[in-house]
């Protein structure tokens, strides 16, 4: 298998997302890059985020204001616990949710193909 070439912008954006552990918009990521004096065009940030999302390395969600935001993700299936105060995101293993798929099929004949779950509350630092 060929090794994927990692561009400088991809490495910078991945580092920012890994370090922040909260959902960030492309504009916010671009602002953080500018603060570091890293010259990356906003259009490159958008293209890079689309690429990382397609590869399963970032997860996207639309925030309450309607803007798409992104967070770094591991490759395995998981869900997110999002702090309503500081925005910190924690990965949550939800293997127990798989039982819901079985119950849907058994009781309703519904075949679950996919699901998305987000948990909202306060992290330990904000509780």
N, C-alpha and C. Protein backbone atom coordinates (compact mmCIF):
# COMPACT_ATOMS: atom_id res chain seq x y z
N UNK A 1 0.84 -1.18 0.00
CA UNK A 1 0.00 0.00 0.00
C UNK A 1 0.89 1.24 0.00
N UNK A 2 0.54 2.21 -0.82
CA UNK A 2 1.32 3.43 -0.93
C UNK A 2 1.06 4.33 0.29
N UNK A 3 2.12 5.00 0.72
CA UNK A 3 2.00 5.94 1.82
C UNK A 3 1.48 7.26 1.27
N UNK A 4 0.52 7.84 1.98
CA UNK A 4 -0.06 9.11 1.53
C UNK A 4 0.90 10.25 1.82
N UNK A 5 1.04 11.13 0.84
CA UNK A 5 1.86 12.31 1.00
C UNK A 5 1.10 13.32 1.86
N UNK A 6 1.71 13.80 2.92
CA UNK A 6 1.07 14.77 3.81
C UNK A 6 1.63 16.15 3.50
N UNK A 7 0.75 17.03 3.05
CA UNK A 7 1.17 18.39 2.71
C UNK A 7 1.39 19.20 3.99
N UNK A 8 2.11 20.29 3.86
CA UNK A 8 2.35 21.19 4.99
C UNK A 8 1.03 21.72 5.55
N UNK A 9 0.11 22.24 4.71
CA UNK A 9 -1.17 22.71 5.25
C UNK A 9 -1.94 21.61 5.98
N UNK A 10 -1.94 20.39 5.43
CA UNK A 10 -2.65 19.29 6.08
C UNK A 10 -2.06 18.99 7.44
N UNK A 11 -0.74 19.00 7.54
CA UNK A 11 -0.08 18.75 8.82
C UNK A 11 -0.41 19.86 9.82
N UNK A 12 -0.39 21.11 9.38
CA UNK A 12 -0.70 22.23 10.27
C UNK A 12 -2.14 22.18 10.77
N UNK A 13 -3.07 21.94 9.86
CA UNK A 13 -4.49 21.89 10.23
C UNK A 13 -4.77 20.70 11.13
N UNK A 14 -4.18 19.56 10.84
CA UNK A 14 -4.36 18.38 11.70
C UNK A 14 -3.82 18.64 13.11
N UNK A 15 -2.67 19.32 13.18
CA UNK A 15 -2.08 19.63 14.49
C UNK A 15 -3.00 20.55 15.29
N UNK A 16 -3.55 21.57 14.62
CA UNK A 16 -4.45 22.49 15.31
C UNK A 16 -5.68 21.76 15.82
N UNK A 17 -6.30 20.95 14.97
CA UNK A 17 -7.49 20.23 15.38
C UNK A 17 -7.20 19.24 16.51
N UNK A 18 -6.08 18.56 16.44
CA UNK A 18 -5.72 17.61 17.50
C UNK A 18 -5.47 18.32 18.83
N UNK A 19 -4.88 19.50 18.76
CA UNK A 19 -4.56 20.25 19.98
C UNK A 19 -5.77 20.92 20.61
N UNK A 20 -6.73 21.32 19.81
CA UNK A 20 -7.87 22.07 20.34
C UNK A 20 -8.93 21.19 20.99
N UNK A 21 -9.22 20.04 20.43
CA UNK A 21 -10.25 19.11 20.93
C UNK A 21 -11.60 19.79 21.15
N UNK A 22 -11.96 20.65 20.22
CA UNK A 22 -13.29 21.25 20.18
C UNK A 22 -13.62 21.51 18.72
N UNK A 23 -14.89 21.67 18.43
CA UNK A 23 -15.29 21.94 17.05
C UNK A 23 -14.85 23.35 16.67
N UNK A 24 -14.22 23.46 15.51
CA UNK A 24 -13.76 24.75 14.99
C UNK A 24 -14.24 24.94 13.56
N UNK A 25 -14.60 26.15 13.21
CA UNK A 25 -14.95 26.46 11.83
C UNK A 25 -13.68 26.61 11.02
N UNK A 26 -13.83 26.57 9.69
CA UNK A 26 -12.67 26.79 8.82
C UNK A 26 -12.08 28.17 9.06
N UNK A 27 -12.94 29.16 9.28
CA UNK A 27 -12.46 30.52 9.54
C UNK A 27 -11.66 30.58 10.84
N UNK A 28 -12.12 29.87 11.87
CA UNK A 28 -11.39 29.86 13.15
C UNK A 28 -10.04 29.18 12.99
N UNK A 29 -9.99 28.09 12.24
CA UNK A 29 -8.73 27.40 11.98
C UNK A 29 -7.79 28.33 11.20
N UNK A 30 -8.34 29.00 10.21
CA UNK A 30 -7.54 29.95 9.41
C UNK A 30 -6.98 31.05 10.31
N UNK A 31 -7.80 31.55 11.24
CA UNK A 31 -7.34 32.58 12.18
C UNK A 31 -6.20 32.08 13.06
N UNK A 32 -6.30 30.83 13.53
CA UNK A 32 -5.22 30.26 14.34
C UNK A 32 -3.95 30.10 13.52
N UNK A 33 -4.09 29.72 12.26
CA UNK A 33 -2.92 29.61 11.38
C UNK A 33 -2.27 30.97 11.17
N UNK A 34 -3.10 32.00 10.96
CA UNK A 34 -2.55 33.35 10.79
C UNK A 34 -1.83 33.82 12.04
N UNK A 35 -2.38 33.50 13.20
CA UNK A 35 -1.74 33.87 14.46
C UNK A 35 -0.36 33.24 14.58
N UNK A 36 -0.21 32.04 14.01
CA UNK A 36 1.10 31.37 14.00
C UNK A 36 1.97 31.83 12.83
N UNK A 37 1.44 32.74 12.05
CA UNK A 37 2.12 33.26 10.85
C UNK A 37 2.36 32.17 9.82
N UNK A 38 1.46 31.18 9.78
CA UNK A 38 1.51 30.14 8.76
C UNK A 38 0.66 30.62 7.59
N UNK A 39 1.25 30.75 6.46
CA UNK A 39 0.55 31.29 5.29
C UNK A 39 -0.19 30.17 4.58
N UNK A 40 -1.48 30.02 4.92
CA UNK A 40 -2.35 29.03 4.30
C UNK A 40 -3.63 29.75 3.92
N UNK A 41 -4.00 29.67 2.67
CA UNK A 41 -5.21 30.35 2.19
C UNK A 41 -6.46 29.70 2.78
N UNK A 42 -7.49 30.50 3.00
CA UNK A 42 -8.74 29.99 3.54
C UNK A 42 -9.31 28.89 2.63
N UNK A 43 -9.19 29.05 1.32
CA UNK A 43 -9.68 28.02 0.39
C UNK A 43 -8.93 26.70 0.60
N UNK A 44 -7.65 26.78 0.94
CA UNK A 44 -6.87 25.57 1.22
C UNK A 44 -7.35 24.92 2.51
N UNK A 45 -7.72 25.72 3.50
CA UNK A 45 -8.26 25.18 4.74
C UNK A 45 -9.54 24.40 4.44
N UNK A 46 -10.45 24.98 3.66
CA UNK A 46 -11.69 24.29 3.31
C UNK A 46 -11.41 22.98 2.56
N UNK A 47 -10.54 23.02 1.56
CA UNK A 47 -10.23 21.81 0.79
C UNK A 47 -9.60 20.74 1.67
N UNK A 48 -8.71 21.17 2.56
CA UNK A 48 -8.05 20.23 3.46
C UNK A 48 -9.05 19.60 4.41
N UNK A 49 -9.96 20.39 4.95
CA UNK A 49 -10.98 19.84 5.85
C UNK A 49 -11.87 18.84 5.13
N UNK A 50 -12.24 19.13 3.89
CA UNK A 50 -13.04 18.18 3.11
C UNK A 50 -12.27 16.88 2.91
N UNK A 51 -10.98 16.98 2.61
CA UNK A 51 -10.14 15.80 2.43
C UNK A 51 -10.04 14.99 3.73
N UNK A 52 -9.77 15.66 4.83
CA UNK A 52 -9.64 14.97 6.11
C UNK A 52 -10.96 14.33 6.53
N UNK A 53 -12.07 14.99 6.23
CA UNK A 53 -13.38 14.41 6.55
C UNK A 53 -13.63 13.16 5.70
N UNK A 54 -13.30 13.21 4.43
CA UNK A 54 -13.50 12.06 3.55
C UNK A 54 -12.65 10.87 4.00
N UNK A 55 -11.50 11.14 4.59
CA UNK A 55 -10.61 10.09 5.09
C UNK A 55 -10.99 9.62 6.49
N UNK A 56 -12.01 10.26 7.10
CA UNK A 56 -12.43 9.86 8.44
C UNK A 56 -11.55 10.40 9.55
N UNK A 57 -10.71 11.40 9.24
CA UNK A 57 -9.81 11.95 10.24
C UNK A 57 -10.39 13.14 10.99
N UNK A 58 -11.46 13.72 10.44
CA UNK A 58 -12.19 14.77 11.14
C UNK A 58 -13.69 14.48 11.01
N UNK A 59 -14.42 14.97 11.97
CA UNK A 59 -15.87 14.88 11.96
C UNK A 59 -16.41 16.30 11.82
N UNK A 60 -17.49 16.43 11.06
CA UNK A 60 -18.09 17.75 10.86
C UNK A 60 -19.49 17.78 11.45
N UNK A 61 -19.89 18.94 11.90
CA UNK A 61 -21.26 19.15 12.37
C UNK A 61 -21.61 20.60 12.12
N UNK A 62 -22.89 20.85 12.00
CA UNK A 62 -23.35 22.22 11.81
C UNK A 62 -23.70 22.76 13.19
N UNK A 63 -23.10 23.89 13.56
CA UNK A 63 -23.35 24.47 14.88
C UNK A 63 -24.70 25.19 14.89
N UNK A 64 -25.15 25.64 16.05
CA UNK A 64 -26.46 26.30 16.14
C UNK A 64 -26.60 27.54 15.24
N UNK A 65 -25.50 28.17 14.88
CA UNK A 65 -25.55 29.35 14.01
C UNK A 65 -25.59 28.96 12.53
N UNK A 66 -25.51 27.65 12.23
CA UNK A 66 -25.57 27.18 10.86
C UNK A 66 -24.23 27.03 10.18
N UNK A 67 -23.14 27.19 10.92
CA UNK A 67 -21.80 27.08 10.34
C UNK A 67 -21.26 25.67 10.54
N UNK A 68 -20.62 25.13 9.51
CA UNK A 68 -20.00 23.81 9.62
C UNK A 68 -18.71 23.94 10.43
N UNK A 69 -18.58 23.05 11.41
CA UNK A 69 -17.41 23.05 12.28
C UNK A 69 -16.81 21.64 12.27
N UNK A 70 -15.53 21.55 12.67
CA UNK A 70 -14.78 20.30 12.52
C UNK A 70 -14.02 19.99 13.80
N UNK A 71 -13.86 18.68 14.06
CA UNK A 71 -13.05 18.21 15.19
C UNK A 71 -12.25 17.00 14.72
N UNK A 72 -11.07 16.83 15.27
CA UNK A 72 -10.22 15.69 14.95
C UNK A 72 -10.84 14.42 15.50
N UNK A 73 -10.78 13.33 14.72
CA UNK A 73 -11.38 12.06 15.13
C UNK A 73 -10.45 10.89 14.86
N UNK A 74 -10.61 9.88 15.70
CA UNK A 74 -9.94 8.61 15.45
C UNK A 74 -10.76 7.86 14.41
N UNK A 75 -10.18 6.84 13.82
CA UNK A 75 -10.85 6.11 12.76
C UNK A 75 -11.98 5.21 13.20
N UNK A 76 -12.02 4.81 14.46
CA UNK A 76 -13.06 3.89 14.91
C UNK A 76 -14.38 4.61 15.13
N UNK A 77 -15.47 3.86 15.08
CA UNK A 77 -16.80 4.46 15.25
C UNK A 77 -16.97 4.88 16.72
N UNK A 78 -17.36 6.12 16.88
CA UNK A 78 -17.60 6.64 18.23
C UNK A 78 -18.54 7.84 18.13
N UNK A 79 -18.89 8.37 19.27
CA UNK A 79 -19.75 9.54 19.34
C UNK A 79 -19.03 10.61 20.14
N UNK A 80 -19.64 11.77 20.28
CA UNK A 80 -18.99 12.87 20.97
C UNK A 80 -19.81 13.39 22.14
N UNK A 81 -19.11 13.69 23.22
CA UNK A 81 -19.67 14.41 24.36
C UNK A 81 -19.11 15.83 24.24
N UNK A 82 -20.02 16.81 24.15
CA UNK A 82 -19.62 18.18 23.88
C UNK A 82 -19.99 19.06 25.07
N UNK A 83 -19.00 19.76 25.63
CA UNK A 83 -19.25 20.65 26.75
C UNK A 83 -19.93 21.93 26.25
N UNK A 84 -21.07 22.25 26.84
CA UNK A 84 -21.81 23.45 26.45
C UNK A 84 -21.14 24.74 26.94
N UNK A 85 -20.21 24.62 27.89
CA UNK A 85 -19.56 25.80 28.44
C UNK A 85 -18.30 26.16 27.66
N UNK A 86 -17.35 25.21 27.58
CA UNK A 86 -16.06 25.51 26.94
C UNK A 86 -15.93 24.93 25.54
N UNK A 87 -16.82 24.03 25.15
CA UNK A 87 -16.77 23.46 23.82
C UNK A 87 -15.87 22.24 23.67
N UNK A 88 -15.23 21.80 24.76
CA UNK A 88 -14.35 20.64 24.69
C UNK A 88 -15.14 19.43 24.20
N UNK A 89 -14.48 18.60 23.37
CA UNK A 89 -15.11 17.40 22.81
C UNK A 89 -14.35 16.18 23.31
N UNK A 90 -15.10 15.22 23.82
CA UNK A 90 -14.53 13.94 24.23
C UNK A 90 -15.12 12.84 23.36
N UNK A 91 -14.28 11.89 22.93
CA UNK A 91 -14.77 10.74 22.18
C UNK A 91 -15.44 9.78 23.15
N UNK A 92 -16.57 9.21 22.73
CA UNK A 92 -17.34 8.29 23.57
C UNK A 92 -17.56 7.00 22.80
N UNK A 93 -17.10 5.88 23.35
CA UNK A 93 -17.36 4.57 22.76
C UNK A 93 -18.79 4.19 23.11
N UNK A 94 -19.59 3.96 22.11
CA UNK A 94 -21.01 3.69 22.36
C UNK A 94 -21.43 2.33 21.84
N UNK A 95 -20.67 1.31 22.17
CA UNK A 95 -21.02 -0.02 21.70
C UNK A 95 -22.39 -0.44 22.21
N UNK A 96 -22.83 0.10 23.35
CA UNK A 96 -24.16 -0.22 23.88
C UNK A 96 -25.26 0.23 22.94
N UNK A 97 -25.00 1.26 22.13
CA UNK A 97 -25.99 1.73 21.18
C UNK A 97 -26.25 0.73 20.07
N UNK A 98 -25.33 -0.19 19.84
CA UNK A 98 -25.52 -1.20 18.81
C UNK A 98 -26.72 -2.08 19.14
N UNK A 99 -27.03 -2.26 20.41
CA UNK A 99 -28.19 -3.05 20.81
C UNK A 99 -29.49 -2.41 20.32
N UNK A 100 -29.48 -1.10 20.17
CA UNK A 100 -30.66 -0.41 19.67
C UNK A 100 -30.98 -0.87 18.25
N UNK A 101 -29.96 -1.08 17.45
CA UNK A 101 -30.17 -1.58 16.08
C UNK A 101 -30.87 -2.92 16.08
N UNK A 102 -30.46 -3.80 16.97
CA UNK A 102 -31.12 -5.11 17.09
C UNK A 102 -32.56 -4.99 17.53
N UNK A 103 -32.81 -4.09 18.46
CA UNK A 103 -34.17 -3.88 18.94
C UNK A 103 -35.06 -3.29 17.84
N UNK A 104 -34.53 -2.37 17.05
CA UNK A 104 -35.30 -1.79 15.95
C UNK A 104 -35.72 -2.87 14.96
N UNK A 105 -34.80 -3.77 14.65
CA UNK A 105 -35.12 -4.85 13.70
C UNK A 105 -36.12 -5.82 14.31
N UNK A 106 -35.88 -6.22 15.56
CA UNK A 106 -36.75 -7.21 16.20
C UNK A 106 -38.17 -6.69 16.41
N UNK A 107 -38.32 -5.45 16.80
CA UNK A 107 -39.64 -4.93 17.16
C UNK A 107 -40.35 -4.20 16.02
N UNK A 108 -39.59 -3.67 15.07
CA UNK A 108 -40.20 -2.84 14.03
C UNK A 108 -39.84 -3.28 12.61
N UNK A 109 -38.94 -4.27 12.47
CA UNK A 109 -38.51 -4.69 11.15
C UNK A 109 -37.65 -3.65 10.45
N UNK A 110 -37.12 -2.71 11.22
CA UNK A 110 -36.32 -1.61 10.68
C UNK A 110 -34.86 -2.00 10.67
N UNK A 111 -34.21 -1.89 9.51
CA UNK A 111 -32.79 -2.22 9.40
C UNK A 111 -31.99 -0.91 9.53
N UNK A 112 -31.29 -0.78 10.63
CA UNK A 112 -30.48 0.41 10.89
C UNK A 112 -29.23 0.38 10.02
N UNK A 113 -29.03 1.43 9.24
CA UNK A 113 -27.84 1.52 8.38
C UNK A 113 -26.78 2.45 8.93
N UNK A 114 -27.20 3.44 9.69
CA UNK A 114 -26.25 4.40 10.23
C UNK A 114 -26.94 5.15 11.37
N UNK A 115 -26.14 5.80 12.17
CA UNK A 115 -26.69 6.64 13.24
C UNK A 115 -25.66 7.68 13.64
N UNK A 116 -26.14 8.74 14.25
CA UNK A 116 -25.27 9.80 14.76
C UNK A 116 -25.84 10.25 16.10
N UNK A 117 -24.99 10.28 17.10
CA UNK A 117 -25.42 10.67 18.44
C UNK A 117 -24.41 11.66 19.01
N UNK A 118 -24.91 12.73 19.59
CA UNK A 118 -24.07 13.68 20.29
C UNK A 118 -24.63 13.87 21.69
N UNK A 119 -23.75 13.95 22.66
CA UNK A 119 -24.14 14.16 24.05
C UNK A 119 -23.71 15.56 24.43
N UNK A 120 -24.58 16.32 25.09
CA UNK A 120 -24.28 17.69 25.50
C UNK A 120 -24.39 17.81 27.01
N UNK A 121 -23.48 18.55 27.61
CA UNK A 121 -23.46 18.76 29.04
C UNK A 121 -22.28 19.63 29.41
N UNK A 122 -21.70 19.34 30.58
CA UNK A 122 -20.53 20.08 31.04
C UNK A 122 -19.40 19.12 31.34
N UNK A 123 -18.20 19.46 30.87
CA UNK A 123 -17.02 18.63 31.13
C UNK A 123 -16.64 18.75 32.60
N UNK A 124 -15.69 17.94 33.03
CA UNK A 124 -15.29 17.94 34.43
C UNK A 124 -14.72 19.30 34.87
N UNK A 125 -14.07 20.02 33.97
CA UNK A 125 -13.51 21.33 34.32
C UNK A 125 -14.59 22.39 34.48
N UNK A 126 -15.72 22.22 33.81
CA UNK A 126 -16.79 23.23 33.83
C UNK A 126 -17.95 22.84 34.73
N UNK A 127 -17.95 21.63 35.25
CA UNK A 127 -19.07 21.14 36.05
C UNK A 127 -19.24 21.83 37.35
